[in-house]
C-alpha atoms as a PDB file:
ATOM      1  CA  MET A   1    -202.806 -82.182 110.438  1.00  0.00           C
ATOM      2  CA  ILE A   2    -203.505 -80.775 107.005  1.00  0.00           C
ATOM      3  CA  ALA A   3    -200.577 -80.840 104.586  1.00  0.00           C
ATOM      4  CA  ALA A   4    -200.581 -79.183 101.182  1.00  0.00           C
ATOM      5  CA  LEU A   5    -198.583 -81.260  98.681  1.00  0.00           C
ATOM      6  CA  THR A   6    -197.717 -78.958  95.819  1.00  0.00           C
ATOM      7  CA  GLY A   7    -195.170 -78.541  93.071  1.00  0.00           C
ATOM      8  CA  THR A   8    -194.771 -77.729  89.421  1.00  0.00           C
ATOM      9  CA  PRO A   9    -196.621 -80.142  87.119  1.00  0.00           C
ATOM     10  CA  GLY A  10    -194.377 -83.148  86.560  1.00  0.00           C
ATOM     11  CA  THR A  11    -192.725 -83.236  89.988  1.00  0.00           C
ATOM     12  CA  GLY A  12    -194.599 -86.371  91.079  1.00  0.00           C
ATOM     13  CA  LYS A  13    -197.543 -85.254  93.216  1.00  0.00           C
ATOM     14  CA  THR A  14    -200.051 -87.743  91.824  1.00  0.00           C
ATOM     15  CA  SER A  15    -197.577 -90.636  91.782  1.00  0.00           C
ATOM     16  CA  VAL A  16    -196.575 -89.963  95.392  1.00  0.00           C
ATOM     17  CA  CYS A  17    -200.205 -89.755  96.532  1.00  0.00           C
ATOM     18  CA  THR A  18    -200.960 -93.008  94.709  1.00  0.00           C
ATOM     19  CA  ALA A  19    -198.052 -94.608  96.597  1.00  0.00           C
ATOM     20  CA  ILE A  20    -199.489 -93.341  99.898  1.00  0.00           C
ATOM     21  CA  ARG A  21    -203.005 -94.579  99.034  1.00  0.00           C
ATOM     22  CA  GLU A  22    -201.690 -98.012  98.042  1.00  0.00           C
ATOM     23  CA  SER A  23    -199.411 -98.432 101.058  1.00  0.00           C
ATOM     24  CA  PRO A  24    -200.894-100.641 103.790  1.00  0.00           C
ATOM     25  CA  GLU A  25    -198.703 -98.713 106.224  1.00  0.00           C
ATOM     26  CA  PHE A  26    -199.907 -95.227 105.222  1.00  0.00           C
ATOM     27  CA  SER A  27    -203.394 -95.604 103.737  1.00  0.00           C
ATOM     28  CA  ILE A  28    -205.182 -95.794 107.106  1.00  0.00           C
ATOM     29  CA  GLN A  29    -203.493 -92.725 108.635  1.00  0.00           C
ATOM     30  CA  TYR A  30    -203.637 -90.408 105.598  1.00  0.00           C
ATOM     31  CA  ARG A  31    -206.480 -89.220 103.373  1.00  0.00           C
ATOM     32  CA  ILE A  32    -205.694 -87.641 100.039  1.00  0.00           C
ATOM     33  CA  ILE A  33    -207.859 -84.849  98.654  1.00  0.00           C
ATOM     34  CA  ASP A  34    -207.188 -84.580  94.909  1.00  0.00           C
ATOM     35  CA  LEU A  35    -207.783 -80.906  94.129  1.00  0.00           C
ATOM     36  CA  ASN A  36    -207.809 -81.381  90.348  1.00  0.00           C
ATOM     37  CA  GLU A  37    -210.553 -83.969  90.720  1.00  0.00           C
ATOM     38  CA  LEU A  38    -212.605 -81.560  92.868  1.00  0.00           C
ATOM     39  CA  VAL A  39    -212.104 -78.694  90.417  1.00  0.00           C
ATOM     40  CA  PHE A  40    -213.472 -80.689  87.490  1.00  0.00           C
ATOM     41  CA  SER A  41    -216.085 -82.834  89.244  1.00  0.00           C
ATOM     42  CA  ASP A  42    -217.617 -79.822  90.992  1.00  0.00           C
ATOM     43  CA  GLY A  43    -217.093 -77.231  88.235  1.00  0.00           C
ATOM     44  CA  LEU A  44    -214.826 -75.018  90.347  1.00  0.00           C
ATOM     45  CA  HIS A  45    -213.080 -73.447  87.376  1.00  0.00           C
ATOM     46  CA  THR A  46    -214.134 -70.253  85.648  1.00  0.00           C
ATOM     47  CA  GLY A  47    -213.052 -71.266  82.164  1.00  0.00           C
ATOM     48  CA  LYS A  48    -210.139 -72.312  80.027  1.00  0.00           C
ATOM     49  CA  ASP A  49    -207.173 -70.164  79.088  1.00  0.00           C
ATOM     50  CA  ASP A  50    -206.506 -71.441  75.565  1.00  0.00           C
ATOM     51  CA  VAL A  51    -203.226 -69.544  75.254  1.00  0.00           C
ATOM     52  CA  ARG A  52    -201.711 -71.220  78.334  1.00  0.00           C
ATOM     53  CA  ASP A  53    -203.723 -74.442  77.897  1.00  0.00           C
ATOM     54  CA  SER A  54    -204.934 -74.318  81.497  1.00  0.00           C
ATOM     55  CA  TYR A  55    -208.044 -73.618  83.541  1.00  0.00           C
ATOM     56  CA  ALA A  56    -208.707 -70.663  85.841  1.00  0.00           C
ATOM     57  CA  VAL A  57    -209.759 -72.000  89.243  1.00  0.00           C
ATOM     58  CA  ASP A  58    -212.062 -70.199  91.674  1.00  0.00           C
ATOM     59  CA  ILE A  59    -209.876 -70.565  94.785  1.00  0.00           C
ATOM     60  CA  GLY A  60    -212.678 -69.415  97.121  1.00  0.00           C
ATOM     61  CA  LYS A  61    -215.039 -72.113  95.871  1.00  0.00           C
ATOM     62  CA  LEU A  62    -212.248 -74.685  96.008  1.00  0.00           C
ATOM     63  CA  GLU A  63    -211.462 -73.727  99.604  1.00  0.00           C
ATOM     64  CA  ASN A  64    -215.135 -74.127 100.575  1.00  0.00           C
ATOM     65  CA  LYS A  65    -215.303 -77.539  98.895  1.00  0.00           C
ATOM     66  CA  VAL A  66    -212.121 -78.672 100.670  1.00  0.00           C
ATOM     67  CA  LYS A  67    -213.629 -77.585 104.011  1.00  0.00           C
ATOM     68  CA  GLN A  68    -216.669 -79.756 103.248  1.00  0.00           C
ATOM     69  CA  GLU A  69    -214.443 -82.699 102.341  1.00  0.00           C
ATOM     70  CA  THR A  70    -212.227 -82.372 105.426  1.00  0.00           C
ATOM     71  CA  SER A  71    -215.259 -82.233 107.723  1.00  0.00           C
ATOM     72  CA  LEU A  72    -216.093 -85.791 106.606  1.00  0.00           C
ATOM     73  CA  ILE A  73    -212.677 -87.189 107.560  1.00  0.00           C
ATOM     74  CA  PRO A  74    -212.442 -88.734 111.043  1.00  0.00           C
ATOM     75  CA  ALA A  75    -210.460 -86.916 113.734  1.00  0.00           C
ATOM     76  CA  GLY A  76    -206.905 -88.169 114.039  1.00  0.00           C
ATOM     77  CA  VAL A  77    -206.563 -88.899 110.327  1.00  0.00           C
ATOM     78  CA  ASP A  78    -204.069 -86.642 108.575  1.00  0.00           C
ATOM     79  CA  ILE A  79    -205.075 -84.934 105.338  1.00  0.00           C
ATOM     80  CA  ILE A  80    -202.903 -84.364 102.288  1.00  0.00           C
ATOM     81  CA  MET A  81    -204.273 -81.901  99.739  1.00  0.00           C
ATOM     82  CA  GLU A  82    -202.722 -82.816  96.403  1.00  0.00           C
ATOM     83  CA  GLY A  83    -202.408 -80.279  93.627  1.00  0.00           C
ATOM     84  CA  HIS A  84    -200.255 -77.490  92.271  1.00  0.00           C
ATOM     85  CA  LEU A  85    -202.681 -74.977  93.802  1.00  0.00           C
ATOM     86  CA  SER A  86    -202.812 -76.593  97.259  1.00  0.00           C
ATOM     87  CA  HIS A  87    -200.401 -74.049  98.731  1.00  0.00           C
ATOM     88  CA  PHE A  88    -203.060 -71.358  98.197  1.00  0.00           C
ATOM     89  CA  LEU A  89    -205.391 -73.131 100.658  1.00  0.00           C
ATOM     90  CA  PRO A  90    -205.180 -73.136 104.470  1.00  0.00           C
ATOM     91  CA  ALA A  91    -202.787 -75.850 105.657  1.00  0.00           C
ATOM     92  CA  ASP A  92    -200.621 -76.598 108.670  1.00  0.00           C
ATOM     93  CA  ILE A  93    -197.635 -77.301 106.439  1.00  0.00           C
ATOM     94  CA  VAL A  94    -196.757 -77.095 102.757  1.00  0.00           C
ATOM     95  CA  ILE A  95    -194.550 -79.709 101.112  1.00  0.00           C
ATOM     96  CA  VAL A  96    -193.210 -78.648  97.712  1.00  0.00           C
ATOM     97  CA  LEU A  97    -192.099 -81.430  95.396  1.00  0.00           C
ATOM     98  CA  ARG A  98    -189.191 -80.397  93.174  1.00  0.00           C
ATOM     99  CA  ALA A  99    -187.543 -81.978  90.124  1.00  0.00           C
ATOM    100  CA  GLU A 100    -184.795 -80.973  87.735  1.00  0.00           C
ATOM    101  CA  PRO A 101    -186.312 -78.827  84.963  1.00  0.00           C
ATOM    102  CA  ARG A 102    -184.894 -81.165  82.311  1.00  0.00           C
ATOM    103  CA  GLU A 103    -186.698 -84.062  83.965  1.00  0.00           C
ATOM    104  CA  ILE A 104    -189.918 -82.023  84.108  1.00  0.00           C
ATOM    105  CA  MET A 105    -189.623 -81.374  80.370  1.00  0.00           C
ATOM    106  CA  GLU A 106    -189.209 -85.093  79.761  1.00  0.00           C
ATOM    107  CA  ARG A 107    -192.148 -86.051  82.001  1.00  0.00           C
ATOM    108  CA  LEU A 108    -194.483 -83.431  80.543  1.00  0.00           C
ATOM    109  CA  GLY A 109    -193.453 -84.394  77.023  1.00  0.00           C
ATOM    110  CA  LYS A 110    -194.665 -87.924  77.777  1.00  0.00           C
ATOM    111  CA  ARG A 111    -198.017 -86.386  78.779  1.00  0.00           C
ATOM    112  CA  ASN A 112    -198.197 -84.641  75.394  1.00  0.00           C
ATOM    113  CA  TYR A 113    -198.040 -81.152  76.877  1.00  0.00           C
ATOM    114  CA  SER A 114    -197.422 -78.483  74.246  1.00  0.00           C
ATOM    115  CA  THR A 115    -193.857 -77.235  73.852  1.00  0.00           C
ATOM    116  CA  GLY A 116    -194.863 -73.846  75.264  1.00  0.00           C
ATOM    117  CA  LYS A 117    -196.580 -75.303  78.315  1.00  0.00           C
ATOM    118  CA  THR A 118    -193.670 -77.678  78.926  1.00  0.00           C
ATOM    119  CA  ARG A 119    -191.151 -74.833  78.778  1.00  0.00           C
ATOM    120  CA  GLU A 120    -193.309 -72.593  80.995  1.00  0.00           C
ATOM    121  CA  ASN A 121    -193.435 -75.281  83.684  1.00  0.00           C
ATOM    122  CA  ALA A 122    -189.707 -76.106  83.439  1.00  0.00           C
ATOM    123  CA  ASP A 123    -188.860 -72.405  83.764  1.00  0.00           C
ATOM    124  CA  ALA A 124    -191.263 -72.032  86.709  1.00  0.00           C
ATOM    125  CA  GLU A 125    -189.447 -74.895  88.432  1.00  0.00           C
ATOM    126  CA  ALA A 126    -186.007 -73.423  87.698  1.00  0.00           C
ATOM    127  CA  LEU A 127    -187.120 -70.073  89.134  1.00  0.00           C
ATOM    128  CA  ASP A 128    -188.666 -71.592  92.314  1.00  0.00           C
ATOM    129  CA  VAL A 129    -192.087 -70.087  91.527  1.00  0.00           C
ATOM    130  CA  ILE A 130    -194.169 -72.517  93.596  1.00  0.00           C
ATOM    131  CA  LEU A 131    -191.625 -72.592  96.431  1.00  0.00           C
ATOM    132  CA  VAL A 132    -191.677 -68.781  96.676  1.00  0.00           C
ATOM    133  CA  GLU A 133    -195.500 -68.713  96.567  1.00  0.00           C
ATOM    134  CA  SER A 134    -195.597 -71.390  99.268  1.00  0.00           C
ATOM    135  CA  VAL A 135    -193.240 -69.503 101.577  1.00  0.00           C
ATOM    136  CA  GLU A 136    -195.377 -66.380 101.102  1.00  0.00           C
ATOM    137  CA  MET A 137    -198.580 -68.314 101.946  1.00  0.00           C
ATOM    138  CA  CYS A 138    -197.458 -70.543 104.837  1.00  0.00           C
ATOM    139  CA  GLY A 139    -194.839 -70.259 107.547  1.00  0.00           C
ATOM    140  CA  ASN A 140    -194.090 -73.978 107.614  1.00  0.00           C
ATOM    141  CA  VAL A 141    -192.713 -75.057 104.214  1.00  0.00           C
ATOM    142  CA  PHE A 142    -190.571 -78.019 103.203  1.00  0.00           C
ATOM    143  CA  GLU A 143    -189.198 -79.188  99.857  1.00  0.00           C
ATOM    144  CA  ILE A 144    -188.280 -82.615  98.485  1.00  0.00           C
ATOM    145  CA  ASN A 145    -186.115 -83.194  95.424  1.00  0.00           C
ATOM    146  CA  THR A 146    -187.905 -86.015  93.579  1.00  0.00           C
ATOM    147  CA  THR A 147    -185.325 -86.292  90.792  1.00  0.00           C
ATOM    148  CA  GLY A 148    -184.315 -89.929  90.395  1.00  0.00           C
ATOM    149  CA  LYS A 149    -186.455 -91.083  93.337  1.00  0.00           C
ATOM    150  CA  SER A 150    -189.304 -93.575  93.219  1.00  0.00           C
ATOM    151  CA  PRO A 151    -192.800 -92.429  94.238  1.00  0.00           C
ATOM    152  CA  GLN A 152    -192.556 -94.809  97.214  1.00  0.00           C
ATOM    153  CA  ASP A 153    -189.303 -93.195  98.404  1.00  0.00           C
ATOM    154  CA  VAL A 154    -190.806 -89.716  98.094  1.00  0.00           C
ATOM    155  CA  ALA A 155    -193.962 -90.897  99.912  1.00  0.00           C
ATOM    156  CA  ILE A 156    -191.753 -91.981 102.816  1.00  0.00           C
ATOM    157  CA  CYS A 157    -190.190 -88.487 102.852  1.00  0.00           C
ATOM    158  CA  VAL A 158    -193.648 -86.831 102.823  1.00  0.00           C
ATOM    159  CA  VAL A 159    -194.858 -88.965 105.725  1.00  0.00           C
ATOM    160  CA  SER A 160    -191.582 -88.391 107.593  1.00  0.00           C
ATOM    161  CA  ILE A 161    -192.012 -84.618 107.313  1.00  0.00           C
ATOM    162  CA  ILE A 162    -195.621 -84.750 108.530  1.00  0.00           C
ATOM    163  CA  GLU A 163    -194.765 -87.011 111.462  1.00  0.00           C
ATOM    164  CA  SER A 164    -191.729 -84.893 112.416  1.00  0.00           C
ATOM    165  CA  VAL A 165    -193.795 -81.700 112.460  1.00  0.00           C
ATOM    166  CA  LYS A 166    -196.512 -83.416 114.512  1.00  0.00           C
ATOM    167  CA  ASN A 167    -193.760 -84.300 117.010  1.00  0.00           C
ATOM    168  CA  GLY A 168    -192.532 -80.704 117.186  1.00  0.00           C
ATOM    169  CA  LYS A 169    -189.494 -81.116 114.936  1.00  0.00           C
ATOM    170  CA  ASN A 170    -188.491 -79.426 111.683  1.00  0.00           C
ATOM    171  CA  PRO A 171    -186.534 -81.845 109.498  1.00  0.00           C
ATOM    172  CA  GLU A 172    -183.667 -79.606 108.364  1.00  0.00           C
ATOM    173  CA  GLU A 173    -182.821 -81.673 105.285  1.00  0.00           C
ATOM    174  CA  PHE A 174    -186.197 -80.657 103.816  1.00  0.00           C
ATOM    175  CA  LEU A 175    -186.169 -76.931 104.654  1.00  0.00           C
ATOM    176  CA  PRO A 176    -186.435 -74.519 101.700  1.00  0.00           C
ATOM    177  CA  GLY A 177    -183.179 -73.592 100.046  1.00  0.00           C
ATOM    178  CA  ASN A 178    -181.751 -77.074  99.588  1.00  0.00           C
ATOM    179  CA  VAL A 179    -182.784 -77.291  95.922  1.00  0.00           C
ATOM    180  CA  ASN A 180    -181.423 -74.909  93.281  1.00  0.00           C
ATOM    181  CA  TRP A 181    -182.075 -75.226  89.557  1.00  0.00           C
ATOM    182  CA  ILE A 182    -181.317 -71.650  88.487  1.00  0.00           C
ATOM    183  CA  GLU A 183    -178.576 -72.814  86.099  1.00  0.00           C
ATOM    184  CA  GLN A 184    -181.317 -74.599  84.147  1.00  0.00           C
ATOM    185  CA  ALA A 185    -183.546 -71.533  83.681  1.00  0.00           C
ATOM    186  CA  GLY A 186    -184.346 -70.831  80.044  1.00  0.00           C
ATOM    187  CA  LEU A 187    -183.298 -74.281  78.838  1.00  0.00           C
END
């Protein structure tokens, strides 16, 4: 199974994947592919957008690199592609991490994101941008509200979703539409 773990910056993707990697229970069954690491280590970006303080990624090259990486992972081991662009790559399921826009602003502020970039990401979360993109790209999408949850608790939710889908079930509590931040748009 290949799962794309995506979400607006600040929703907890890296922290959750660290929890999975460090868990004796999960680390054997799951391999994490850190897309940001691949983009920068293999030069898969086409340059920096100084206005938005971000990099333009060559999705085709990233997809090819991910195919190379997944071919090295033993059969039977599940793959989690981590990154806010992972939903643009082929996956069996997409899991979108969500967080209250106010919490995203706080988290990104701690990372020293610019005010403009922080607001852009909080607004994107409030408007469901990544969720909508994910639903358009993949027929099997789930969402987890990470607000107030530990990375370990969210990791358990991620693994639960993957295992449920592998067993032919769709965990209804994680289906799209359970999270709504629209009141927080334009903070």
